[in-house]
PDB file of N, CA and C in Angstrom:
ATOM      1  N   MET A   1       8.592   7.991  -5.241  1.00  0.00           N
ATOM      2  CA  MET A   1       7.165   7.981  -5.486  1.00  0.00           C
ATOM      3  C   MET A   1       6.493   8.842  -4.404  1.00  0.00           C
ATOM      4  N   ARG A   2       5.572   9.664  -4.816  1.00  0.00           N
ATOM      5  CA  ARG A   2       4.815  10.474  -3.858  1.00  0.00           C
ATOM      6  C   ARG A   2       3.753   9.621  -3.191  1.00  0.00           C
ATOM      7  N   ARG A   3       3.665   9.777  -1.884  1.00  0.00           N
ATOM      8  CA  ARG A   3       2.659   9.047  -1.124  1.00  0.00           C
ATOM      9  C   ARG A   3       1.754  10.045  -0.414  1.00  0.00           C
ATOM     10  N   ALA A   4       0.481   9.689  -0.331  1.00  0.00           N
ATOM     11  CA  ALA A   4      -0.497  10.546   0.341  1.00  0.00           C
ATOM     12  C   ALA A   4      -0.785   9.968   1.725  1.00  0.00           C
ATOM     13  N   PRO A   5      -0.937  10.837   2.725  1.00  0.00           N
ATOM     14  CA  PRO A   5      -1.248  10.337   4.070  1.00  0.00           C
ATOM     15  C   PRO A   5      -2.608   9.662   4.119  1.00  0.00           C
ATOM     16  N   VAL A   6      -2.711   8.647   4.973  1.00  0.00           N
ATOM     17  CA  VAL A   6      -3.982   7.974   5.224  1.00  0.00           C
ATOM     18  C   VAL A   6      -4.215   7.930   6.731  1.00  0.00           C
ATOM     19  N   LYS A   7      -5.487   7.867   7.102  1.00  0.00           N
ATOM     20  CA  LYS A   7      -5.832   7.758   8.517  1.00  0.00           C
ATOM     21  C   LYS A   7      -5.860   6.282   8.887  1.00  0.00           C
ATOM     22  N   SER A   8      -4.832   5.857   9.596  1.00  0.00           N
ATOM     23  CA  SER A   8      -4.697   4.454   9.959  1.00  0.00           C
ATOM     24  C   SER A   8      -3.778   4.357  11.170  1.00  0.00           C
ATOM     25  N   SER A   9      -4.042   3.388  12.010  1.00  0.00           N
ATOM     26  CA  SER A   9      -3.169   3.185  13.164  1.00  0.00           C
ATOM     27  C   SER A   9      -1.868   2.483  12.763  1.00  0.00           C
ATOM     28  N   VAL A  10      -1.841   1.897  11.587  1.00  0.00           N
ATOM     29  CA  VAL A  10      -0.670   1.148  11.131  1.00  0.00           C
ATOM     30  C   VAL A  10       0.030   1.834   9.956  1.00  0.00           C
ATOM     31  N   LEU A  11      -0.744   2.231   8.945  1.00  0.00           N
ATOM     32  CA  LEU A  11      -0.175   2.837   7.739  1.00  0.00           C
ATOM     33  C   LEU A  11      -0.060   4.344   7.904  1.00  0.00           C
ATOM     34  N   ARG A  12       1.037   4.897   7.406  1.00  0.00           N
ATOM     35  CA  ARG A  12       1.245   6.342   7.443  1.00  0.00           C
ATOM     36  C   ARG A  12       0.800   6.984   6.131  1.00  0.00           C
ATOM     37  N   ASP A  13       1.224   6.365   5.002  1.00  0.00           N
ATOM     38  CA  ASP A  13       0.907   6.934   3.697  1.00  0.00           C
ATOM     39  C   ASP A  13       0.971   5.855   2.629  1.00  0.00           C
ATOM     40  N   VAL A  14       0.359   6.168   1.480  1.00  0.00           N
ATOM     41  CA  VAL A  14       0.235   5.197   0.386  1.00  0.00           C
ATOM     42  C   VAL A  14       0.440   5.923  -0.936  1.00  0.00           C
ATOM     43  N   GLY A  15       1.180   5.296  -1.838  1.00  0.00           N
ATOM     44  CA  GLY A  15       1.356   5.836  -3.189  1.00  0.00           C
ATOM     45  C   GLY A  15       1.210   4.729  -4.212  1.00  0.00           C
ATOM     46  N   TYR A  16       1.002   5.130  -5.463  1.00  0.00           N
ATOM     47  CA  TYR A  16       0.813   4.133  -6.516  1.00  0.00           C
ATOM     48  C   TYR A  16       1.372   4.658  -7.822  1.00  0.00           C
ATOM     49  N   ASP A  17       2.102   3.811  -8.526  1.00  0.00           N
ATOM     50  CA  ASP A  17       2.613   4.119  -9.861  1.00  0.00           C
ATOM     51  C   ASP A  17       1.858   3.232 -10.847  1.00  0.00           C
ATOM     52  N   PRO A  18       0.889   3.802 -11.583  1.00  0.00           N
ATOM     53  CA  PRO A  18       0.068   2.976 -12.480  1.00  0.00           C
ATOM     54  C   PRO A  18       0.846   2.407 -13.663  1.00  0.00           C
ATOM     55  N   ASP A  19       1.892   3.086 -14.106  1.00  0.00           N
ATOM     56  CA  ASP A  19       2.671   2.570 -15.232  1.00  0.00           C
ATOM     57  C   ASP A  19       3.431   1.305 -14.858  1.00  0.00           C
ATOM     58  N   ARG A  20       3.975   1.281 -13.648  1.00  0.00           N
ATOM     59  CA  ARG A  20       4.731   0.112 -13.181  1.00  0.00           C
ATOM     60  C   ARG A  20       3.887  -0.838 -12.347  1.00  0.00           C
ATOM     61  N   ARG A  21       2.667  -0.397 -11.998  1.00  0.00           N
ATOM     62  CA  ARG A  21       1.757  -1.170 -11.135  1.00  0.00           C
ATOM     63  C   ARG A  21       2.418  -1.497  -9.802  1.00  0.00           C
ATOM     64  N   VAL A  22       3.034  -0.466  -9.217  1.00  0.00           N
ATOM     65  CA  VAL A  22       3.705  -0.610  -7.926  1.00  0.00           C
ATOM     66  C   VAL A  22       2.948   0.198  -6.880  1.00  0.00           C
ATOM     67  N   LEU A  23       2.608  -0.470  -5.798  1.00  0.00           N
ATOM     68  CA  LEU A  23       1.982   0.157  -4.642  1.00  0.00           C
ATOM     69  C   LEU A  23       3.056   0.343  -3.589  1.00  0.00           C
ATOM     70  N   GLU A  24       3.184   1.560  -3.071  1.00  0.00           N
ATOM     71  CA  GLU A  24       4.178   1.842  -2.042  1.00  0.00           C
ATOM     72  C   GLU A  24       3.459   2.240  -0.767  1.00  0.00           C
ATOM     73  N   VAL A  25       3.824   1.582   0.333  1.00  0.00           N
ATOM     74  CA  VAL A  25       3.144   1.790   1.608  1.00  0.00           C
ATOM     75  C   VAL A  25       4.159   2.173   2.670  1.00  0.00           C
ATOM     76  N   GLY A  26       3.911   3.318   3.321  1.00  0.00           N
ATOM     77  CA  GLY A  26       4.726   3.744   4.445  1.00  0.00           C
ATOM     78  C   GLY A  26       4.009   3.444   5.746  1.00  0.00           C
ATOM     79  N   PHE A  27       4.763   2.947   6.715  1.00  0.00           N
ATOM     80  CA  PHE A  27       4.202   2.585   8.004  1.00  0.00           C
ATOM     81  C   PHE A  27       4.643   3.588   9.075  1.00  0.00           C
ATOM     82  N   HIS A  28       3.932   3.620  10.166  1.00  0.00           N
ATOM     83  CA  HIS A  28       4.258   4.548  11.249  1.00  0.00           C
ATOM     84  C   HIS A  28       5.625   4.271  11.875  1.00  0.00           C
ATOM     85  N   ASP A  29       6.152   3.063  11.706  1.00  0.00           N
ATOM     86  CA  ASP A  29       7.484   2.756  12.243  1.00  0.00           C
ATOM     87  C   ASP A  29       8.594   3.149  11.257  1.00  0.00           C
ATOM     88  N   ASP A  30       8.230   3.910  10.215  1.00  0.00           N
ATOM     89  CA  ASP A  30       9.130   4.427   9.175  1.00  0.00           C
ATOM     90  C   ASP A  30       9.557   3.396   8.138  1.00  0.00           C
ATOM     91  N   ALA A  31       9.068   2.174   8.225  1.00  0.00           N
ATOM     92  CA  ALA A  31       9.338   1.188   7.180  1.00  0.00           C
ATOM     93  C   ALA A  31       8.517   1.539   5.937  1.00  0.00           C
ATOM     94  N   VAL A  32       9.087   1.266   4.762  1.00  0.00           N
ATOM     95  CA  VAL A  32       8.390   1.478   3.498  1.00  0.00           C
ATOM     96  C   VAL A  32       8.531   0.204   2.672  1.00  0.00           C
ATOM     97  N   TYR A  33       7.400  -0.258   2.144  1.00  0.00           N
ATOM     98  CA  TYR A  33       7.378  -1.467   1.325  1.00  0.00           C
ATOM     99  C   TYR A  33       6.760  -1.169  -0.028  1.00  0.00           C
ATOM    100  N   GLN A  34       7.261  -1.852  -1.047  1.00  0.00           N
ATOM    101  CA  GLN A  34       6.672  -1.785  -2.376  1.00  0.00           C
ATOM    102  C   GLN A  34       6.085  -3.144  -2.720  1.00  0.00           C
ATOM    103  N   TYR A  35       4.848  -3.111  -3.208  1.00  0.00           N
ATOM    104  CA  TYR A  35       4.143  -4.307  -3.666  1.00  0.00           C
ATOM    105  C   TYR A  35       4.020  -4.207  -5.178  1.00  0.00           C
ATOM    106  N   PHE A  36       4.325  -5.294  -5.877  1.00  0.00           N
ATOM    107  CA  PHE A  36       4.425  -5.288  -7.332  1.00  0.00           C
ATOM    108  C   PHE A  36       3.247  -5.991  -7.999  1.00  0.00           C
ATOM    109  N   LEU A  37       2.974  -5.573  -9.240  1.00  0.00           N
ATOM    110  CA  LEU A  37       1.908  -6.132 -10.078  1.00  0.00           C
ATOM    111  C   LEU A  37       0.522  -5.875  -9.490  1.00  0.00           C
ATOM    112  N   VAL A  38       0.380  -4.778  -8.782  1.00  0.00           N
ATOM    113  CA  VAL A  38      -0.888  -4.438  -8.128  1.00  0.00           C
ATOM    114  C   VAL A  38      -1.777  -3.677  -9.110  1.00  0.00           C
ATOM    115  N   PRO A  39      -2.970  -4.177  -9.393  1.00  0.00           N
ATOM    116  CA  PRO A  39      -3.889  -3.446 -10.277  1.00  0.00           C
ATOM    117  C   PRO A  39      -4.358  -2.144  -9.627  1.00  0.00           C
ATOM    118  N   LYS A  40      -4.681  -1.174 -10.457  1.00  0.00           N
ATOM    119  CA  LYS A  40      -5.159   0.111  -9.950  1.00  0.00           C
ATOM    120  C   LYS A  40      -6.421  -0.061  -9.104  1.00  0.00           C
ATOM    121  N   ARG A  41      -7.250  -1.028  -9.462  1.00  0.00           N
ATOM    122  CA  ARG A  41      -8.477  -1.308  -8.712  1.00  0.00           C
ATOM    123  C   ARG A  41      -8.153  -1.628  -7.252  1.00  0.00           C
ATOM    124  N   VAL A  42      -7.102  -2.399  -7.026  1.00  0.00           N
ATOM    125  CA  VAL A  42      -6.719  -2.779  -5.663  1.00  0.00           C
ATOM    126  C   VAL A  42      -6.245  -1.549  -4.889  1.00  0.00           C
ATOM    127  N   TYR A  43      -5.506  -0.681  -5.544  1.00  0.00           N
ATOM    128  CA  TYR A  43      -5.082   0.578  -4.916  1.00  0.00           C
ATOM    129  C   TYR A  43      -6.300   1.399  -4.508  1.00  0.00           C
ATOM    130  N   ARG A  44      -7.267   1.534  -5.396  1.00  0.00           N
ATOM    131  CA  ARG A  44      -8.483   2.308  -5.078  1.00  0.00           C
ATOM    132  C   ARG A  44      -9.263   1.664  -3.934  1.00  0.00           C
ATOM    133  N   GLU A  45      -9.338   0.338  -3.945  1.00  0.00           N
ATOM    134  CA  GLU A  45     -10.041  -0.355  -2.861  1.00  0.00           C
ATOM    135  C   GLU A  45      -9.324  -0.176  -1.526  1.00  0.00           C
ATOM    136  N   LEU A  46      -8.002  -0.171  -1.548  1.00  0.00           N
ATOM    137  CA  LEU A  46      -7.241   0.082  -0.316  1.00  0.00           C
ATOM    138  C   LEU A  46      -7.586   1.452   0.252  1.00  0.00           C
ATOM    139  N   LEU A  47      -7.602   2.459  -0.601  1.00  0.00           N
ATOM    140  CA  LEU A  47      -7.910   3.812  -0.137  1.00  0.00           C
ATOM    141  C   LEU A  47      -9.338   3.935   0.378  1.00  0.00           C
ATOM    142  N   ALA A  48     -10.262   3.170  -0.190  1.00  0.00           N
ATOM    143  CA  ALA A  48     -11.674   3.251   0.195  1.00  0.00           C
ATOM    144  C   ALA A  48     -12.032   2.332   1.363  1.00  0.00           C
ATOM    145  N   ALA A  49     -11.132   1.453   1.745  1.00  0.00           N
ATOM    146  CA  ALA A  49     -11.434   0.472   2.789  1.00  0.00           C
ATOM    147  C   ALA A  49     -11.651   1.145   4.146  1.00  0.00           C
ATOM    148  N   PRO A  50     -12.601   0.634   4.936  1.00  0.00           N
ATOM    149  CA  PRO A  50     -12.817   1.172   6.285  1.00  0.00           C
ATOM    150  C   PRO A  50     -11.575   1.024   7.162  1.00  0.00           C
ATOM    151  N   SER A  51     -10.812  -0.051   6.941  1.00  0.00           N
ATOM    152  CA  SER A  51      -9.553  -0.261   7.663  1.00  0.00           C
ATOM    153  C   SER A  51      -8.466  -0.533   6.629  1.00  0.00           C
ATOM    154  N   HIS A  52      -7.569   0.429   6.445  1.00  0.00           N
ATOM    155  CA  HIS A  52      -6.499   0.279   5.454  1.00  0.00           C
ATOM    156  C   HIS A  52      -5.574  -0.885   5.823  1.00  0.00           C
ATOM    157  N   GLY A  53      -5.240  -0.993   7.113  1.00  0.00           N
ATOM    158  CA  GLY A  53      -4.347  -2.060   7.561  1.00  0.00           C
ATOM    159  C   GLY A  53      -4.944  -3.438   7.353  1.00  0.00           C
ATOM    160  N   ARG A  54      -6.218  -3.575   7.639  1.00  0.00           N
ATOM    161  CA  ARG A  54      -6.890  -4.869   7.458  1.00  0.00           C
ATOM    162  C   ARG A  54      -6.933  -5.241   5.974  1.00  0.00           C
ATOM    163  N   TYR A  55      -7.261  -4.280   5.119  1.00  0.00           N
ATOM    164  CA  TYR A  55      -7.291  -4.556   3.682  1.00  0.00           C
ATOM    165  C   TYR A  55      -5.904  -4.974   3.197  1.00  0.00           C
ATOM    166  N   LEU A  56      -4.876  -4.270   3.636  1.00  0.00           N
ATOM    167  CA  LEU A  56      -3.509  -4.616   3.250  1.00  0.00           C
ATOM    168  C   LEU A  56      -3.181  -6.048   3.668  1.00  0.00           C
ATOM    169  N   ASN A  57      -3.499  -6.394   4.906  1.00  0.00           N
ATOM    170  CA  ASN A  57      -3.174  -7.726   5.420  1.00  0.00           C
ATOM    171  C   ASN A  57      -3.939  -8.836   4.720  1.00  0.00           C
ATOM    172  N   LEU A  58      -5.203  -8.595   4.394  1.00  0.00           N
ATOM    173  CA  LEU A  58      -6.038  -9.651   3.825  1.00  0.00           C
ATOM    174  C   LEU A  58      -5.986  -9.740   2.301  1.00  0.00           C
ATOM    175  N   GLU A  59      -5.863  -8.609   1.634  1.00  0.00           N
ATOM    176  CA  GLU A  59      -6.002  -8.592   0.173  1.00  0.00           C
ATOM    177  C   GLU A  59      -4.696  -8.349  -0.595  1.00  0.00           C
ATOM    178  N   ILE A  60      -3.725  -7.735   0.037  1.00  0.00           N
ATOM    179  CA  ILE A  60      -2.507  -7.367  -0.696  1.00  0.00           C
ATOM    180  C   ILE A  60      -1.314  -8.232  -0.292  1.00  0.00           C
ATOM    181  N   LYS A  61      -1.032  -8.304   0.992  1.00  0.00           N
ATOM    182  CA  LYS A  61       0.152  -9.060   1.432  1.00  0.00           C
ATOM    183  C   LYS A  61       0.184 -10.502   0.936  1.00  0.00           C
ATOM    184  N   PRO A  62      -0.946 -11.231   0.969  1.00  0.00           N
ATOM    185  CA  PRO A  62      -0.866 -12.635   0.520  1.00  0.00           C
ATOM    186  C   PRO A  62      -0.772 -12.815  -0.992  1.00  0.00           C
ATOM    187  N   ARG A  63      -0.998 -11.756  -1.771  1.00  0.00           N
ATOM    188  CA  ARG A  63      -1.159 -11.924  -3.227  1.00  0.00           C
ATOM    189  C   ARG A  63      -0.060 -11.309  -4.094  1.00  0.00           C
ATOM    190  N   TYR A  64       0.697 -10.356  -3.566  1.00  0.00           N
ATOM    191  CA  TYR A  64       1.607  -9.607  -4.432  1.00  0.00           C
ATOM    192  C   TYR A  64       3.037  -9.659  -3.909  1.00  0.00           C
ATOM    193  N   PRO A  65       4.011  -9.759  -4.845  1.00  0.00           N
ATOM    194  CA  PRO A  65       5.407  -9.742  -4.438  1.00  0.00           C
ATOM    195  C   PRO A  65       5.733  -8.423  -3.745  1.00  0.00           C
ATOM    196  N   VAL A  66       6.639  -8.472  -2.782  1.00  0.00           N
ATOM    197  CA  VAL A  66       6.932  -7.300  -1.967  1.00  0.00           C
ATOM    198  C   VAL A  66       8.440  -7.208  -1.710  1.00  0.00           C
ATOM    199  N   ARG A  67       8.897  -5.969  -1.507  1.00  0.00           N
ATOM    200  CA  ARG A  67      10.259  -5.753  -1.022  1.00  0.00           C
ATOM    201  C   ARG A  67      10.265  -4.519  -0.139  1.00  0.00           C
ATOM    202  N   ARG A  68      11.110  -4.545   0.871  1.00  0.00           N
ATOM    203  CA  ARG A  68      11.262  -3.388   1.749  1.00  0.00           C
ATOM    204  C   ARG A  68      12.241  -2.426   1.092  1.00  0.00           C
ATOM    205  N   VAL A  69      11.899  -1.142   1.073  1.00  0.00           N
ATOM    206  CA  VAL A  69      12.778  -0.160   0.438  1.00  0.00           C
ATOM    207  C   VAL A  69      13.383   0.815   1.436  1.00  0.00           C
ATOM    208  N   GLU A  70      12.835   0.943   2.612  1.00  0.00           N
ATOM    209  CA  GLU A  70      13.420   1.813   3.652  1.00  0.00           C
ATOM    210  C   GLU A  70      13.281   1.145   4.985  1.00  0.00           C
TER     211      GLU A  70
END
């Protein structure tokens, strides 16, 4: 999945597959996680959030299944 860079002290880049509803997040420590069943609205809100890391921690991590891929 292609990921676009974001300006964040924690996140390196973010990608989204709307067909599978999978959000992929790369971190500065080179870890990559996929979050499942994520609506496109949540992806757009993540990109628009003043703090990408805070939005991820508060709105995505507690709500969506996740697995580490790298």
